[in-house]
């Protein structure tokens, strides 16, 4: 099983757990597994068959460019990373 690191904003869905285990040989299968155990989590990660625009995934320390298609080995570490949006940069004179 993969060790999955849950972003702070989504931990309410895992009972506050920072890490959980999930089965799957691709990120998509890991997300589906998470959705079965933690209702609502898959919907917060995936939209219309793709990772949501504000979510990135890293497998074993490498940010994936292929998202849900990325392969996951038994014992892999999977990190879902949420982008921080908003705010404005102050303009310097």
C-alpha atoms as a PDB file:
ATOM      1  CA  UNK A   1       0.000   0.000   0.000  1.00  0.00           C
ATOM      2  CA  UNK A   2       1.032   3.581  -0.601  1.00  0.00           C
ATOM      3  CA  UNK A   3       1.493   6.075   2.215  1.00  0.00           C
ATOM      4  CA  UNK A   4      -0.648   9.111   1.320  1.00  0.00           C
ATOM      5  CA  UNK A   5      -0.045  12.545   2.827  1.00  0.00           C
ATOM      6  CA  UNK A   6      -3.243  14.579   3.137  1.00  0.00           C
ATOM      7  CA  UNK A   7      -3.130  18.402   2.877  1.00  0.00           C
ATOM      8  CA  UNK A   8      -4.310  20.299   5.943  1.00  0.00           C
ATOM      9  CA  UNK A   9      -7.425  21.623   4.215  1.00  0.00           C
ATOM     10  CA  UNK A  10      -8.634  18.082   3.498  1.00  0.00           C
ATOM     11  CA  UNK A  11      -7.849  16.436   6.842  1.00  0.00           C
ATOM     12  CA  UNK A  12     -11.388  17.037   8.087  1.00  0.00           C
ATOM     13  CA  UNK A  13     -12.352  14.203   5.711  1.00  0.00           C
ATOM     14  CA  UNK A  14      -9.800  11.783   7.197  1.00  0.00           C
ATOM     15  CA  UNK A  15     -10.688  12.442  10.822  1.00  0.00           C
ATOM     16  CA  UNK A  16      -7.698  14.763  11.144  1.00  0.00           C
ATOM     17  CA  UNK A  17      -5.173  12.180   9.974  1.00  0.00           C
ATOM     18  CA  UNK A  18      -2.144  13.617   8.161  1.00  0.00           C
ATOM     19  CA  UNK A  19      -1.207  10.286   6.582  1.00  0.00           C
ATOM     20  CA  UNK A  20      -3.308   7.333   5.487  1.00  0.00           C
ATOM     21  CA  UNK A  21      -2.668   4.173   3.502  1.00  0.00           C
ATOM     22  CA  UNK A  22      -4.329   3.436   0.168  1.00  0.00           C
ATOM     23  CA  UNK A  23      -4.151   0.748  -2.483  1.00  0.00           C
ATOM     24  CA  UNK A  24      -3.572   1.348  -6.167  1.00  0.00           C
ATOM     25  CA  UNK A  25      -0.980   1.118  -8.898  1.00  0.00           C
ATOM     26  CA  UNK A  26      -1.787   4.599 -10.283  1.00  0.00           C
ATOM     27  CA  UNK A  27      -2.699   7.891  -8.628  1.00  0.00           C
ATOM     28  CA  UNK A  28      -6.238   7.456 -10.031  1.00  0.00           C
ATOM     29  CA  UNK A  29      -6.601   4.101  -8.256  1.00  0.00           C
ATOM     30  CA  UNK A  30      -5.195   5.575  -5.041  1.00  0.00           C
ATOM     31  CA  UNK A  31      -7.769   8.396  -5.210  1.00  0.00           C
ATOM     32  CA  UNK A  32     -10.573   5.885  -5.829  1.00  0.00           C
ATOM     33  CA  UNK A  33      -9.386   3.833  -2.849  1.00  0.00           C
ATOM     34  CA  UNK A  34      -9.303   6.950  -0.672  1.00  0.00           C
ATOM     35  CA  UNK A  35     -12.825   7.836  -1.797  1.00  0.00           C
ATOM     36  CA  UNK A  36     -14.159   4.462  -0.663  1.00  0.00           C
ATOM     37  CA  UNK A  37     -12.648   4.791   2.814  1.00  0.00           C
ATOM     38  CA  UNK A  38     -13.073   8.570   3.250  1.00  0.00           C
ATOM     39  CA  UNK A  39     -16.322   9.726   1.606  1.00  0.00           C
ATOM     40  CA  UNK A  40     -15.999  13.076  -0.137  1.00  0.00           C
ATOM     41  CA  UNK A  41     -12.209  13.016  -0.411  1.00  0.00           C
ATOM     42  CA  UNK A  42     -12.049  11.887  -4.042  1.00  0.00           C
ATOM     43  CA  UNK A  43     -14.435  14.667  -5.074  1.00  0.00           C
ATOM     44  CA  UNK A  44     -12.174  17.244  -3.428  1.00  0.00           C
ATOM     45  CA  UNK A  45      -9.150  15.954  -5.369  1.00  0.00           C
ATOM     46  CA  UNK A  46     -10.660  15.163  -8.788  1.00  0.00           C
ATOM     47  CA  UNK A  47     -12.989  17.104 -11.077  1.00  0.00           C
ATOM     48  CA  UNK A  48     -14.243  15.871 -14.445  1.00  0.00           C
ATOM     49  CA  UNK A  49     -11.764  12.995 -14.470  1.00  0.00           C
ATOM     50  CA  UNK A  50      -8.685  15.149 -13.747  1.00  0.00           C
ATOM     51  CA  UNK A  51      -6.930  16.470 -10.684  1.00  0.00           C
ATOM     52  CA  UNK A  52      -8.523  19.760  -9.695  1.00  0.00           C
ATOM     53  CA  UNK A  53      -6.592  22.797 -10.973  1.00  0.00           C
ATOM     54  CA  UNK A  54      -5.438  23.714  -7.451  1.00  0.00           C
ATOM     55  CA  UNK A  55      -4.106  20.206  -6.694  1.00  0.00           C
ATOM     56  CA  UNK A  56      -0.742  18.731  -7.650  1.00  0.00           C
ATOM     57  CA  UNK A  57       0.543  15.285  -6.808  1.00  0.00           C
ATOM     58  CA  UNK A  58       4.048  14.095  -6.002  1.00  0.00           C
ATOM     59  CA  UNK A  59       4.995  10.424  -5.963  1.00  0.00           C
ATOM     60  CA  UNK A  60       8.178   9.521  -4.131  1.00  0.00           C
ATOM     61  CA  UNK A  61       9.295  13.141  -4.060  1.00  0.00           C
ATOM     62  CA  UNK A  62       8.723  13.911  -7.753  1.00  0.00           C
ATOM     63  CA  UNK A  63       5.937  16.257  -8.857  1.00  0.00           C
ATOM     64  CA  UNK A  64       3.942  14.425 -11.509  1.00  0.00           C
ATOM     65  CA  UNK A  65       3.283  15.970 -14.896  1.00  0.00           C
ATOM     66  CA  UNK A  66       0.764  13.232 -15.772  1.00  0.00           C
ATOM     67  CA  UNK A  67      -1.369  13.470 -12.634  1.00  0.00           C
ATOM     68  CA  UNK A  68      -3.818  10.599 -12.223  1.00  0.00           C
ATOM     69  CA  UNK A  69      -1.884   8.415 -14.674  1.00  0.00           C
ATOM     70  CA  UNK A  70       1.285   8.455 -12.566  1.00  0.00           C
ATOM     71  CA  UNK A  71       2.343   4.985 -11.426  1.00  0.00           C
ATOM     72  CA  UNK A  72       2.414   4.212  -7.727  1.00  0.00           C
ATOM     73  CA  UNK A  73       4.408   1.301  -6.307  1.00  0.00           C
ATOM     74  CA  UNK A  74       3.676  -0.540  -3.093  1.00  0.00           C
ATOM     75  CA  UNK A  75       5.384   1.497  -0.396  1.00  0.00           C
ATOM     76  CA  UNK A  76       5.378   4.735  -2.410  1.00  0.00           C
ATOM     77  CA  UNK A  77       4.795   8.088  -0.757  1.00  0.00           C
ATOM     78  CA  UNK A  78       2.023  10.101  -2.402  1.00  0.00           C
ATOM     79  CA  UNK A  79       1.639  13.779  -1.526  1.00  0.00           C
ATOM     80  CA  UNK A  80      -1.352  15.826  -2.606  1.00  0.00           C
ATOM     81  CA  UNK A  81      -0.334  19.471  -2.648  1.00  0.00           C
ATOM     82  CA  UNK A  82      -2.831  22.316  -2.654  1.00  0.00           C
ATOM     83  CA  UNK A  83      -1.956  25.571  -4.343  1.00  0.00           C
ATOM     84  CA  UNK A  84      -2.365  28.734  -2.328  1.00  0.00           C
ATOM     85  CA  UNK A  85      -4.246  31.337  -4.292  1.00  0.00           C
ATOM     86  CA  UNK A  86      -5.268  34.888  -3.695  1.00  0.00           C
ATOM     87  CA  UNK A  87      -3.622  38.002  -2.434  1.00  0.00           C
ATOM     88  CA  UNK A  88      -1.630  40.510  -4.354  1.00  0.00           C
ATOM     89  CA  UNK A  89       2.018  41.307  -4.567  1.00  0.00           C
ATOM     90  CA  UNK A  90       2.919  44.774  -3.484  1.00  0.00           C
ATOM     91  CA  UNK A  91       4.415  46.778  -6.274  1.00  0.00           C
ATOM     92  CA  UNK A  92       7.750  48.340  -5.529  1.00  0.00           C
ATOM     93  CA  UNK A  93       8.656  51.745  -6.856  1.00  0.00           C
END
